[in-house]
Amino acid sequence: MRSVQRPKRMTLLGSDGRRYPMMCKPGDELRKDQRVMEVNRVVNAILRQDPEARRRQLFVRTYSVVPLQAAGGLIEWVPNLQPYRYALSPLVEEKAPPLMTDKEWFGNKPATDAPID
């Protein structure tokens, strides 16, 4: 796993006797990750209400995020999890060509002394 924060993988033994794989991420702000999982749970509730989504068994796989301090916490380890970016990038590139290349975007900066209208 490549990351600047150097997360550690560990397994916790629950009071039910089951083992729970977790990732300990020191120095990383996890409150935003926790909010994203809450949004995904709402999306799943909406998908369960839609007959077509139920028929197609559509859902977003959620996982536990436990911020323990301002910078660090635990994340449930999910085998074979693929980030949204890697799952959606090919679809976006196929369906919607980029509006601007990076060179165009970063090359069109206004001069710092130019007046703003």
PDB file of N, CA and C in Angstrom:
ATOM      1  N   MET A   1       0.851  -1.174   0.000  1.00  0.00           N
ATOM      2  CA  MET A   1       0.000   0.000   0.000  1.00  0.00           C
ATOM      3  C   MET A   1       0.894   1.233   0.000  1.00  0.00           C
ATOM      4  N   ARG A   2       0.732   2.085  -1.028  1.00  0.00           N
ATOM      5  CA  ARG A   2       1.548   3.283  -1.123  1.00  0.00           C
ATOM      6  C   ARG A   2       0.819   4.454  -0.481  1.00  0.00           C
ATOM      7  N   SER A   3       1.499   5.126   0.453  1.00  0.00           N
ATOM      8  CA  SER A   3       0.915   6.288   1.103  1.00  0.00           C
ATOM      9  C   SER A   3       2.019   7.042   1.828  1.00  0.00           C
ATOM     10  N   VAL A   4       1.910   8.368   1.825  1.00  0.00           N
ATOM     11  CA  VAL A   4       2.869   9.188   2.549  1.00  0.00           C
ATOM     12  C   VAL A   4       2.739   8.944   4.053  1.00  0.00           C
ATOM     13  N   GLN A   5       1.528   8.674   4.520  1.00  0.00           N
ATOM     14  CA  GLN A   5       1.263   8.521   5.957  1.00  0.00           C
ATOM     15  C   GLN A   5       1.724   7.182   6.526  1.00  0.00           C
ATOM     16  N   ARG A   6       2.089   6.223   5.673  1.00  0.00           N
ATOM     17  CA  ARG A   6       2.557   4.907   6.110  1.00  0.00           C
ATOM     18  C   ARG A   6       1.576   4.225   7.053  1.00  0.00           C
ATOM     19  N   PRO A   7       0.344   3.929   6.585  1.00  0.00           N
ATOM     20  CA  PRO A   7      -0.638   3.265   7.450  1.00  0.00           C
ATOM     21  C   PRO A   7      -0.195   1.850   7.806  1.00  0.00           C
ATOM     22  N   LYS A   8      -0.701   1.360   8.912  1.00  0.00           N
ATOM     23  CA  LYS A   8      -0.380   0.011   9.377  1.00  0.00           C
ATOM     24  C   LYS A   8      -1.637  -0.845   9.336  1.00  0.00           C
ATOM     25  N   ARG A   9      -1.475  -2.082   8.874  1.00  0.00           N
ATOM     26  CA  ARG A   9      -2.590  -3.017   8.871  1.00  0.00           C
ATOM     27  C   ARG A   9      -2.495  -3.853  10.144  1.00  0.00           C
ATOM     28  N   MET A  10      -3.644  -4.048  10.809  1.00  0.00           N
ATOM     29  CA  MET A  10      -3.675  -4.858  12.020  1.00  0.00           C
ATOM     30  C   MET A  10      -4.998  -5.589  12.100  1.00  0.00           C
ATOM     31  N   THR A  11      -5.069  -6.589  12.962  1.00  0.00           N
ATOM     32  CA  THR A  11      -6.294  -7.355  13.154  1.00  0.00           C
ATOM     33  C   THR A  11      -6.698  -7.260  14.611  1.00  0.00           C
ATOM     34  N   LEU A  12      -7.946  -6.866  14.856  1.00  0.00           N
ATOM     35  CA  LEU A  12      -8.477  -6.770  16.217  1.00  0.00           C
ATOM     36  C   LEU A  12      -9.354  -7.977  16.488  1.00  0.00           C
ATOM     37  N   LEU A  13      -9.288  -8.483  17.700  1.00  0.00           N
ATOM     38  CA  LEU A  13     -10.119  -9.597  18.122  1.00  0.00           C
ATOM     39  C   LEU A  13     -11.323  -9.030  18.872  1.00  0.00           C
ATOM     40  N   GLY A  14     -12.522  -9.247  18.323  1.00  0.00           N
ATOM     41  CA  GLY A  14     -13.736  -8.712  18.930  1.00  0.00           C
ATOM     42  C   GLY A  14     -14.213  -9.563  20.094  1.00  0.00           C
ATOM     43  N   SER A  15     -15.098  -8.989  20.896  1.00  0.00           N
ATOM     44  CA  SER A  15     -15.651  -9.713  22.043  1.00  0.00           C
ATOM     45  C   SER A  15     -16.497 -10.906  21.589  1.00  0.00           C
ATOM     46  N   ASP A  16     -16.875 -10.911  20.298  1.00  0.00           N
ATOM     47  CA  ASP A  16     -17.631 -12.045  19.746  1.00  0.00           C
ATOM     48  C   ASP A  16     -16.706 -13.162  19.249  1.00  0.00           C
ATOM     49  N   GLY A  17     -15.383 -12.973  19.415  1.00  0.00           N
ATOM     50  CA  GLY A  17     -14.422 -13.984  19.006  1.00  0.00           C
ATOM     51  C   GLY A  17     -13.988 -13.872  17.551  1.00  0.00           C
ATOM     52  N   ARG A  18     -14.601 -12.968  16.801  1.00  0.00           N
ATOM     53  CA  ARG A  18     -14.238 -12.795  15.390  1.00  0.00           C
ATOM     54  C   ARG A  18     -13.054 -11.850  15.250  1.00  0.00           C
ATOM     55  N   ARG A  19     -12.314 -12.024  14.173  1.00  0.00           N
ATOM     56  CA  ARG A  19     -11.174 -11.144  13.875  1.00  0.00           C
ATOM     57  C   ARG A  19     -11.625 -10.061  12.888  1.00  0.00           C
ATOM     58  N   TYR A  20     -11.215  -8.828  13.172  1.00  0.00           N
ATOM     59  CA  TYR A  20     -11.590  -7.684  12.345  1.00  0.00           C
ATOM     60  C   TYR A  20     -10.327  -7.001  11.817  1.00  0.00           C
ATOM     61  N   PRO A  21     -10.087  -7.116  10.497  1.00  0.00           N
ATOM     62  CA  PRO A  21      -8.912  -6.428   9.939  1.00  0.00           C
ATOM     63  C   PRO A  21      -9.172  -4.917   9.880  1.00  0.00           C
ATOM     64  N   MET A  22      -8.175  -4.146  10.276  1.00  0.00           N
ATOM     65  CA  MET A  22      -8.287  -2.686  10.309  1.00  0.00           C
ATOM     66  C   MET A  22      -7.008  -2.073   9.748  1.00  0.00           C
ATOM     67  N   MET A  23      -7.118  -0.825   9.350  1.00  0.00           N
ATOM     68  CA  MET A  23      -5.954  -0.058   8.934  1.00  0.00           C
ATOM     69  C   MET A  23      -5.844   1.124   9.897  1.00  0.00           C
ATOM     70  N   CYS A  24      -4.695   1.271  10.502  1.00  0.00           N
ATOM     71  CA  CYS A  24      -4.433   2.383  11.408  1.00  0.00           C
ATOM     72  C   CYS A  24      -3.728   3.466  10.598  1.00  0.00           C
ATOM     73  N   LYS A  25      -4.356   4.646  10.513  1.00  0.00           N
ATOM     74  CA  LYS A  25      -3.792   5.738   9.709  1.00  0.00           C
ATOM     75  C   LYS A  25      -3.412   6.898  10.626  1.00  0.00           C
ATOM     76  N   PRO A  26      -2.147   6.980  11.015  1.00  0.00           N
ATOM     77  CA  PRO A  26      -1.713   8.115  11.827  1.00  0.00           C
ATOM     78  C   PRO A  26      -1.512   9.347  10.952  1.00  0.00           C
ATOM     79  N   GLY A  27      -1.787  10.506  11.506  1.00  0.00           N
ATOM     80  CA  GLY A  27      -1.521  11.750  10.796  1.00  0.00           C
ATOM     81  C   GLY A  27      -2.428  12.034   9.625  1.00  0.00           C
ATOM     82  N   ASP A  28      -3.575  11.379   9.530  1.00  0.00           N
ATOM     83  CA  ASP A  28      -4.495  11.604   8.415  1.00  0.00           C
ATOM     84  C   ASP A  28      -5.850  12.029   8.970  1.00  0.00           C
ATOM     85  N   GLU A  29      -6.435  13.048   8.395  1.00  0.00           N
ATOM     86  CA  GLU A  29      -7.746  13.551   8.817  1.00  0.00           C
ATOM     87  C   GLU A  29      -8.826  12.608   8.316  1.00  0.00           C
ATOM     88  N   LEU A  30      -9.518  11.918   9.210  1.00  0.00           N
ATOM     89  CA  LEU A  30     -10.496  10.906   8.804  1.00  0.00           C
ATOM     90  C   LEU A  30     -11.950  11.346   8.972  1.00  0.00           C
ATOM     91  N   ARG A  31     -12.184  12.526   9.507  1.00  0.00           N
ATOM     92  CA  ARG A  31     -13.581  12.956   9.697  1.00  0.00           C
ATOM     93  C   ARG A  31     -14.309  13.097   8.360  1.00  0.00           C
ATOM     94  N   LYS A  32     -13.584  13.570   7.326  1.00  0.00           N
ATOM     95  CA  LYS A  32     -14.195  13.690   6.008  1.00  0.00           C
ATOM     96  C   LYS A  32     -14.533  12.299   5.452  1.00  0.00           C
ATOM     97  N   ASP A  33     -13.635  11.344   5.653  1.00  0.00           N
ATOM     98  CA  ASP A  33     -13.887   9.964   5.207  1.00  0.00           C
ATOM     99  C   ASP A  33     -15.135   9.407   5.900  1.00  0.00           C
ATOM    100  N   GLN A  34     -15.276   9.713   7.178  1.00  0.00           N
ATOM    101  CA  GLN A  34     -16.434   9.243   7.939  1.00  0.00           C
ATOM    102  C   GLN A  34     -17.723   9.840   7.365  1.00  0.00           C
ATOM    103  N   ARG A  35     -17.690  11.116   7.004  1.00  0.00           N
ATOM    104  CA  ARG A  35     -18.869  11.774   6.414  1.00  0.00           C
ATOM    105  C   ARG A  35     -19.218  11.168   5.055  1.00  0.00           C
ATOM    106  N   VAL A  36     -18.209  10.844   4.261  1.00  0.00           N
ATOM    107  CA  VAL A  36     -18.456  10.224   2.950  1.00  0.00           C
ATOM    108  C   VAL A  36     -19.169   8.885   3.139  1.00  0.00           C
ATOM    109  N   MET A  37     -18.776   8.115   4.140  1.00  0.00           N
ATOM    110  CA  MET A  37     -19.445   6.826   4.399  1.00  0.00           C
ATOM    111  C   MET A  37     -20.891   7.055   4.826  1.00  0.00           C
ATOM    112  N   GLU A  38     -21.161   8.124   5.566  1.00  0.00           N
ATOM    113  CA  GLU A  38     -22.544   8.448   5.940  1.00  0.00           C
ATOM    114  C   GLU A  38     -23.365   8.798   4.701  1.00  0.00           C
ATOM    115  N   VAL A  39     -22.774   9.555   3.774  1.00  0.00           N
ATOM    116  CA  VAL A  39     -23.468   9.885   2.519  1.00  0.00           C
ATOM    117  C   VAL A  39     -23.736   8.600   1.735  1.00  0.00           C
ATOM    118  N   ASN A  40     -22.755   7.703   1.688  1.00  0.00           N
ATOM    119  CA  ASN A  40     -22.945   6.435   0.973  1.00  0.00           C
ATOM    120  C   ASN A  40     -24.067   5.604   1.590  1.00  0.00           C
ATOM    121  N   ARG A  41     -24.226   5.654   2.905  1.00  0.00           N
ATOM    122  CA  ARG A  41     -25.335   4.924   3.553  1.00  0.00           C
ATOM    123  C   ARG A  41     -26.683   5.515   3.144  1.00  0.00           C
ATOM    124  N   VAL A  42     -26.745   6.841   2.988  1.00  0.00           N
ATOM    125  CA  VAL A  42     -27.971   7.488   2.518  1.00  0.00           C
ATOM    126  C   VAL A  42     -28.243   7.079   1.072  1.00  0.00           C
ATOM    127  N   VAL A  43     -27.212   7.045   0.244  1.00  0.00           N
ATOM    128  CA  VAL A  43     -27.363   6.600  -1.151  1.00  0.00           C
ATOM    129  C   VAL A  43     -27.913   5.184  -1.178  1.00  0.00           C
ATOM    130  N   ASN A  44     -27.396   4.308  -0.319  1.00  0.00           N
ATOM    131  CA  ASN A  44     -27.893   2.931  -0.262  1.00  0.00           C
ATOM    132  C   ASN A  44     -29.366   2.884   0.142  1.00  0.00           C
ATOM    133  N   ALA A  45     -29.771   3.745   1.080  1.00  0.00           N
ATOM    134  CA  ALA A  45     -31.176   3.786   1.481  1.00  0.00           C
ATOM    135  C   ALA A  45     -32.053   4.202   0.304  1.00  0.00           C
ATOM    136  N   ILE A  46     -31.587   5.165  -0.478  1.00  0.00           N
ATOM    137  CA  ILE A  46     -32.342   5.607  -1.660  1.00  0.00           C
ATOM    138  C   ILE A  46     -32.403   4.488  -2.702  1.00  0.00           C
ATOM    139  N   LEU A  47     -31.276   3.798  -2.908  1.00  0.00           N
ATOM    140  CA  LEU A  47     -31.247   2.700  -3.876  1.00  0.00           C
ATOM    141  C   LEU A  47     -32.196   1.569  -3.474  1.00  0.00           C
ATOM    142  N   ARG A  48     -32.308   1.305  -2.167  1.00  0.00           N
ATOM    143  CA  ARG A  48     -33.215   0.239  -1.701  1.00  0.00           C
ATOM    144  C   ARG A  48     -34.686   0.586  -1.956  1.00  0.00           C
ATOM    145  N   GLN A  49     -35.002   1.870  -2.064  1.00  0.00           N
ATOM    146  CA  GLN A  49     -36.386   2.287  -2.305  1.00  0.00           C
ATOM    147  C   GLN A  49     -36.774   2.189  -3.780  1.00  0.00           C
ATOM    148  N   ASP A  50     -35.785   2.126  -4.654  1.00  0.00           N
ATOM    149  CA  ASP A  50     -36.046   2.105  -6.089  1.00  0.00           C
ATOM    150  C   ASP A  50     -36.135   0.662  -6.586  1.00  0.00           C
ATOM    151  N   PRO A  51     -37.264   0.281  -7.191  1.00  0.00           N
ATOM    152  CA  PRO A  51     -37.427  -1.107  -7.652  1.00  0.00           C
ATOM    153  C   PRO A  51     -36.361  -1.564  -8.651  1.00  0.00           C
ATOM    154  N   GLU A  52     -36.009  -0.700  -9.602  1.00  0.00           N
ATOM    155  CA  GLU A  52     -34.994  -1.074 -10.593  1.00  0.00           C
ATOM    156  C   GLU A  52     -33.623  -1.265  -9.942  1.00  0.00           C
ATOM    157  N   ALA A  53     -33.276  -0.401  -9.007  1.00  0.00           N
ATOM    158  CA  ALA A  53     -31.999  -0.536  -8.304  1.00  0.00           C
ATOM    159  C   ALA A  53     -31.973  -1.819  -7.472  1.00  0.00           C
ATOM    160  N   ARG A  54     -33.113  -2.149  -6.847  1.00  0.00           N
ATOM    161  CA  ARG A  54     -33.190  -3.409  -6.087  1.00  0.00           C
ATOM    162  C   ARG A  54     -33.047  -4.605  -7.022  1.00  0.00           C
ATOM    163  N   ARG A  55     -33.712  -4.549  -8.159  1.00  0.00           N
ATOM    164  CA  ARG A  55     -33.637  -5.650  -9.117  1.00  0.00           C
ATOM    165  C   ARG A  55     -32.201  -5.866  -9.579  1.00  0.00           C
ATOM    166  N   ARG A  56     -31.475  -4.768  -9.812  1.00  0.00           N
ATOM    167  CA  ARG A  56     -30.083  -4.848 -10.277  1.00  0.00           C
ATOM    168  C   ARG A  56     -29.094  -5.012  -9.126  1.00  0.00           C
ATOM    169  N   GLN A  57     -29.613  -5.019  -7.911  1.00  0.00           N
ATOM    170  CA  GLN A  57     -28.803  -5.173  -6.697  1.00  0.00           C
ATOM    171  C   GLN A  57     -27.688  -4.120  -6.621  1.00  0.00           C
ATOM    172  N   LEU A  58     -28.072  -2.872  -6.877  1.00  0.00           N
ATOM    173  CA  LEU A  58     -27.115  -1.769  -6.819  1.00  0.00           C
ATOM    174  C   LEU A  58     -26.922  -1.315  -5.381  1.00  0.00           C
ATOM    175  N   PHE A  59     -25.682  -1.110  -4.990  1.00  0.00           N
ATOM    176  CA  PHE A  59     -25.375  -0.568  -3.677  1.00  0.00           C
ATOM    177  C   PHE A  59     -23.932  -0.086  -3.664  1.00  0.00           C
ATOM    178  N   VAL A  60     -23.635   0.773  -2.707  1.00  0.00           N
ATOM    179  CA  VAL A  60     -22.273   1.244  -2.486  1.00  0.00           C
ATOM    180  C   VAL A  60     -21.735   0.498  -1.279  1.00  0.00           C
ATOM    181  N   ARG A  61     -20.587  -0.139  -1.422  1.00  0.00           N
ATOM    182  CA  ARG A  61     -19.993  -0.876  -0.303  1.00  0.00           C
ATOM    183  C   ARG A  61     -19.448   0.136   0.698  1.00  0.00           C
ATOM    184  N   THR A  62     -19.936   0.104   1.904  1.00  0.00           N
ATOM    185  CA  THR A  62     -19.467   1.008   2.943  1.00  0.00           C
ATOM    186  C   THR A  62     -18.540   0.260   3.898  1.00  0.00           C
ATOM    187  N   TYR A  63     -17.785   1.018   4.658  1.00  0.00           N
ATOM    188  CA  TYR A  63     -16.887   0.443   5.649  1.00  0.00           C
ATOM    189  C   TYR A  63     -16.806   1.404   6.827  1.00  0.00           C
ATOM    190  N   SER A  64     -16.346   0.897   7.944  1.00  0.00           N
ATOM    191  CA  SER A  64     -16.269   1.699   9.168  1.00  0.00           C
ATOM    192  C   SER A  64     -15.053   2.606   9.154  1.00  0.00           C
ATOM    193  N   VAL A  65     -15.261   3.834   9.590  1.00  0.00           N
ATOM    194  CA  VAL A  65     -14.183   4.804   9.761  1.00  0.00           C
ATOM    195  C   VAL A  65     -14.323   5.365  11.174  1.00  0.00           C
ATOM    196  N   VAL A  66     -13.255   5.249  11.961  1.00  0.00           N
ATOM    197  CA  VAL A  66     -13.295   5.706  13.358  1.00  0.00           C
ATOM    198  C   VAL A  66     -12.161   6.703  13.590  1.00  0.00           C
ATOM    199  N   PRO A  67     -12.467   8.013  13.506  1.00  0.00           N
ATOM    200  CA  PRO A  67     -11.429   9.000  13.838  1.00  0.00           C
ATOM    201  C   PRO A  67     -11.158   8.931  15.346  1.00  0.00           C
ATOM    202  N   LEU A  68      -9.897   8.809  15.736  1.00  0.00           N
ATOM    203  CA  LEU A  68      -9.553   8.717  17.151  1.00  0.00           C
ATOM    204  C   LEU A  68      -9.006  10.025  17.703  1.00  0.00           C
ATOM    205  N   GLN A  69      -8.564  10.883  16.812  1.00  0.00           N
ATOM    206  CA  GLN A  69      -8.047  12.192  17.193  1.00  0.00           C
ATOM    207  C   GLN A  69      -8.128  13.083  15.967  1.00  0.00           C
ATOM    208  N   ALA A  70      -7.645  14.328  16.077  1.00  0.00           N
ATOM    209  CA  ALA A  70      -7.743  15.252  14.943  1.00  0.00           C
ATOM    210  C   ALA A  70      -7.014  14.719  13.710  1.00  0.00           C
ATOM    211  N   ALA A  71      -5.934  13.995  13.909  1.00  0.00           N
ATOM    212  CA  ALA A  71      -5.179  13.461  12.779  1.00  0.00           C
ATOM    213  C   ALA A  71      -4.832  11.995  13.033  1.00  0.00           C
ATOM    214  N   GLY A  72      -5.755  11.128  12.716  1.00  0.00           N
ATOM    215  CA  GLY A  72      -5.490   9.698  12.844  1.00  0.00           C
ATOM    216  C   GLY A  72      -6.720   8.930  13.257  1.00  0.00           C
ATOM    217  N   GLY A  73      -6.684   7.622  13.003  1.00  0.00           N
ATOM    218  CA  GLY A  73      -7.802   6.780  13.395  1.00  0.00           C
ATOM    219  C   GLY A  73      -7.727   5.417  12.738  1.00  0.00           C
ATOM    220  N   LEU A  74      -8.856   4.721  12.761  1.00  0.00           N
ATOM    221  CA  LEU A  74      -8.954   3.367  12.232  1.00  0.00           C
ATOM    222  C   LEU A  74      -9.943   3.313  11.077  1.00  0.00           C
ATOM    223  N   ILE A  75      -9.617   2.492  10.090  1.00  0.00           N
ATOM    224  CA  ILE A  75     -10.504   2.265   8.951  1.00  0.00           C
ATOM    225  C   ILE A  75     -10.640   0.760   8.782  1.00  0.00           C
ATOM    226  N   GLU A  76     -11.881   0.303   8.613  1.00  0.00           N
ATOM    227  CA  GLU A  76     -12.110  -1.123   8.374  1.00  0.00           C
ATOM    228  C   GLU A  76     -11.400  -1.534   7.083  1.00  0.00           C
ATOM    229  N   TRP A  77     -10.683  -2.642   7.136  1.00  0.00           N
ATOM    230  CA  TRP A  77      -9.984  -3.159   5.963  1.00  0.00           C
ATOM    231  C   TRP A  77     -10.981  -3.917   5.092  1.00  0.00           C
ATOM    232  N   VAL A  78     -11.101  -3.528   3.844  1.00  0.00           N
ATOM    233  CA  VAL A  78     -12.007  -4.190   2.912  1.00  0.00           C
ATOM    234  C   VAL A  78     -11.157  -4.796   1.794  1.00  0.00           C
ATOM    235  N   PRO A  79     -11.119  -6.129   1.705  1.00  0.00           N
ATOM    236  CA  PRO A  79     -10.311  -6.756   0.662  1.00  0.00           C
ATOM    237  C   PRO A  79     -10.792  -6.352  -0.731  1.00  0.00           C
ATOM    238  N   ASN A  80      -9.851  -6.152  -1.638  1.00  0.00           N
ATOM    239  CA  ASN A  80     -10.128  -5.833  -3.042  1.00  0.00           C
ATOM    240  C   ASN A  80     -10.906  -4.537  -3.247  1.00  0.00           C
ATOM    241  N   LEU A  81     -10.832  -3.631  -2.292  1.00  0.00           N
ATOM    242  CA  LEU A  81     -11.520  -2.348  -2.428  1.00  0.00           C
ATOM    243  C   LEU A  81     -10.834  -1.518  -3.498  1.00  0.00           C
ATOM    244  N   GLN A  82     -11.642  -0.890  -4.356  1.00  0.00           N
ATOM    245  CA  GLN A  82     -11.110  -0.049  -5.415  1.00  0.00           C
ATOM    246  C   GLN A  82     -11.615   1.368  -5.193  1.00  0.00           C
ATOM    247  N   PRO A  83     -10.716   2.357  -5.113  1.00  0.00           N
ATOM    248  CA  PRO A  83     -11.153   3.747  -4.914  1.00  0.00           C
ATOM    249  C   PRO A  83     -12.035   4.230  -6.066  1.00  0.00           C
ATOM    250  N   TYR A  84     -12.938   5.162  -5.774  1.00  0.00           N
ATOM    251  CA  TYR A  84     -13.812   5.733  -6.794  1.00  0.00           C
ATOM    252  C   TYR A  84     -13.010   6.211  -8.000  1.00  0.00           C
ATOM    253  N   ARG A  85     -11.899   6.885  -7.745  1.00  0.00           N
ATOM    254  CA  ARG A  85     -11.106   7.464  -8.832  1.00  0.00           C
ATOM    255  C   ARG A  85     -10.727   6.407  -9.856  1.00  0.00           C
ATOM    256  N   TYR A  86     -10.256   5.253  -9.395  1.00  0.00           N
ATOM    257  CA  TYR A  86      -9.826   4.211 -10.328  1.00  0.00           C
ATOM    258  C   TYR A  86     -11.015   3.529 -11.006  1.00  0.00           C
ATOM    259  N   ALA A  87     -12.135   3.465 -10.314  1.00  0.00           N
ATOM    260  CA  ALA A  87     -13.315   2.830 -10.898  1.00  0.00           C
ATOM    261  C   ALA A  87     -13.988   3.737 -11.928  1.00  0.00           C
ATOM    262  N   LEU A  88     -14.006   5.048 -11.665  1.00  0.00           N
ATOM    263  CA  LEU A  88     -14.750   5.968 -12.522  1.00  0.00           C
ATOM    264  C   LEU A  88     -13.920   6.630 -13.618  1.00  0.00           C
ATOM    265  N   SER A  89     -12.607   6.726 -13.449  1.00  0.00           N
ATOM    266  CA  SER A  89     -11.776   7.420 -14.445  1.00  0.00           C
ATOM    267  C   SER A  89     -11.965   6.903 -15.862  1.00  0.00           C
ATOM    268  N   PRO A  90     -11.933   5.586 -16.093  1.00  0.00           N
ATOM    269  CA  PRO A  90     -12.123   5.114 -17.476  1.00  0.00           C
ATOM    270  C   PRO A  90     -13.485   5.507 -18.046  1.00  0.00           C
ATOM    271  N   LEU A  91     -14.518   5.486 -17.231  1.00  0.00           N
ATOM    272  CA  LEU A  91     -15.848   5.863 -17.710  1.00  0.00           C
ATOM    273  C   LEU A  91     -15.911   7.344 -18.062  1.00  0.00           C
ATOM    274  N   VAL A  92     -15.332   8.178 -17.209  1.00  0.00           N
ATOM    275  CA  VAL A  92     -15.343   9.625 -17.461  1.00  0.00           C
ATOM    276  C   VAL A  92     -14.552   9.939 -18.724  1.00  0.00           C
ATOM    277  N   GLU A  93     -13.388   9.328 -18.867  1.00  0.00           N
ATOM    278  CA  GLU A  93     -12.565   9.582 -20.053  1.00  0.00           C
ATOM    279  C   GLU A  93     -13.268   9.126 -21.329  1.00  0.00           C
ATOM    280  N   GLU A  94     -14.018   8.032 -21.240  1.00  0.00           N
ATOM    281  CA  GLU A  94     -14.719   7.499 -22.407  1.00  0.00           C
ATOM    282  C   GLU A  94     -15.913   8.364 -22.775  1.00  0.00           C
ATOM    283  N   LYS A  95     -16.677   8.796 -21.786  1.00  0.00           N
ATOM    284  CA  LYS A  95     -17.944   9.495 -22.032  1.00  0.00           C
ATOM    285  C   LYS A  95     -17.795  11.000 -22.173  1.00  0.00           C
ATOM    286  N   ALA A  96     -16.819  11.598 -21.471  1.00  0.00           N
ATOM    287  CA  ALA A  96     -16.705  13.053 -21.468  1.00  0.00           C
ATOM    288  C   ALA A  96     -15.245  13.458 -21.672  1.00  0.00           C
ATOM    289  N   PRO A  97     -14.913  13.968 -22.855  1.00  0.00           N
ATOM    290  CA  PRO A  97     -13.538  14.408 -23.071  1.00  0.00           C
ATOM    291  C   PRO A  97     -13.220  15.584 -22.144  1.00  0.00           C
ATOM    292  N   PRO A  98     -11.959  15.743 -21.781  1.00  0.00           N
ATOM    293  CA  PRO A  98     -11.610  16.832 -20.867  1.00  0.00           C
ATOM    294  C   PRO A  98     -11.936  18.188 -21.480  1.00  0.00           C
ATOM    295  N   LEU A  99     -12.382  19.105 -20.639  1.00  0.00           N
ATOM    296  CA  LEU A  99     -12.692  20.450 -21.110  1.00  0.00           C
ATOM    297  C   LEU A  99     -11.416  21.209 -21.452  1.00  0.00           C
ATOM    298  N   MET A 100     -10.385  21.011 -20.630  1.00  0.00           N
ATOM    299  CA  MET A 100      -9.098  21.660 -20.837  1.00  0.00           C
ATOM    300  C   MET A 100      -8.004  20.679 -20.463  1.00  0.00           C
ATOM    301  N   THR A 101      -6.904  20.744 -21.168  1.00  0.00           N
ATOM    302  CA  THR A 101      -5.755  19.953 -20.753  1.00  0.00           C
ATOM    303  C   THR A 101      -5.115  20.651 -19.561  1.00  0.00           C
ATOM    304  N   ASP A 102      -4.259  19.946 -18.842  1.00  0.00           N
ATOM    305  CA  ASP A 102      -3.552  20.571 -17.722  1.00  0.00           C
ATOM    306  C   ASP A 102      -2.740  21.768 -18.193  1.00  0.00           C
ATOM    307  N   LYS A 103      -2.113  21.624 -19.366  1.00  0.00           N
ATOM    308  CA  LYS A 103      -1.306  22.721 -19.895  1.00  0.00           C
ATOM    309  C   LYS A 103      -2.174  23.953 -20.158  1.00  0.00           C
ATOM    310  N   GLU A 104      -3.350  23.752 -20.753  1.00  0.00           N
ATOM    311  CA  GLU A 104      -4.254  24.877 -21.006  1.00  0.00           C
ATOM    312  C   GLU A 104      -4.730  25.505 -19.696  1.00  0.00           C
ATOM    313  N   TRP A 105      -5.093  24.660 -18.732  1.00  0.00           N
ATOM    314  CA  TRP A 105      -5.616  25.157 -17.459  1.00  0.00           C
ATOM    315  C   TRP A 105      -4.571  25.986 -16.730  1.00  0.00           C
ATOM    316  N   PHE A 106      -3.367  25.435 -16.599  1.00  0.00           N
ATOM    317  CA  PHE A 106      -2.338  26.120 -15.836  1.00  0.00           C
ATOM    318  C   PHE A 106      -1.632  27.201 -16.642  1.00  0.00           C
ATOM    319  N   GLY A 107      -1.764  27.177 -17.959  1.00  0.00           N
ATOM    320  CA  GLY A 107      -1.137  28.185 -18.797  1.00  0.00           C
ATOM    321  C   GLY A 107      -1.976  29.437 -18.961  1.00  0.00           C
ATOM    322  N   ASN A 108      -3.243  29.399 -18.563  1.00  0.00           N
ATOM    323  CA  ASN A 108      -4.152  30.534 -18.741  1.00  0.00           C
ATOM    324  C   ASN A 108      -4.355  31.334 -17.474  1.00  0.00           C
ATOM    325  N   LYS A 109      -3.338  31.400 -16.623  1.00  0.00           N
ATOM    326  CA  LYS A 109      -3.467  32.185 -15.400  1.00  0.00           C
ATOM    327  C   LYS A 109      -3.408  33.665 -15.740  1.00  0.00           C
ATOM    328  N   PRO A 110      -4.294  34.481 -15.148  1.00  0.00           N
ATOM    329  CA  PRO A 110      -4.222  35.915 -15.420  1.00  0.00           C
ATOM    330  C   PRO A 110      -2.974  36.513 -14.777  1.00  0.00           C
ATOM    331  N   ALA A 111      -2.488  37.592 -15.367  1.00  0.00           N
ATOM    332  CA  ALA A 111      -1.330  38.278 -14.781  1.00  0.00           C
ATOM    333  C   ALA A 111      -1.696  38.802 -13.406  1.00  0.00           C
ATOM    334  N   THR A 112      -0.727  38.801 -12.498  1.00  0.00           N
ATOM    335  CA  THR A 112      -1.034  39.213 -11.113  1.00  0.00           C
ATOM    336  C   THR A 112      -1.349  40.686 -11.022  1.00  0.00           C
ATOM    337  N   ASP A 113      -0.832  41.494 -11.959  1.00  0.00           N
ATOM    338  CA  ASP A 113      -1.114  42.930 -11.888  1.00  0.00           C
ATOM    339  C   ASP A 113      -2.267  43.350 -12.792  1.00  0.00           C
ATOM    340  N   ALA A 114      -2.923  42.380 -13.436  1.00  0.00           N
ATOM    341  CA  ALA A 114      -4.052  42.688 -14.326  1.00  0.00           C
ATOM    342  C   ALA A 114      -5.249  43.085 -13.496  1.00  0.00           C
ATOM    343  N   PRO A 115      -5.982  44.105 -13.931  1.00  0.00           N
ATOM    344  CA  PRO A 115      -7.188  44.511 -13.185  1.00  0.00           C
ATOM    345  C   PRO A 115      -8.281  43.447 -13.307  1.00  0.00           C
ATOM    346  N   ILE A 116      -9.043  43.317 -12.265  1.00  0.00           N
ATOM    347  CA  ILE A 116     -10.167  42.368 -12.246  1.00  0.00           C
ATOM    348  C   ILE A 116     -11.432  43.147 -12.511  1.00  0.00           C
ATOM    349  N   ASP A 117     -12.195  42.733 -13.519  1.00  0.00           N
ATOM    350  CA  ASP A 117     -13.441  43.422 -13.880  1.00  0.00           C
ATOM    351  C   ASP A 117     -14.547  43.061 -12.939  1.00  0.00           C
TER     352      ASP A 117
END
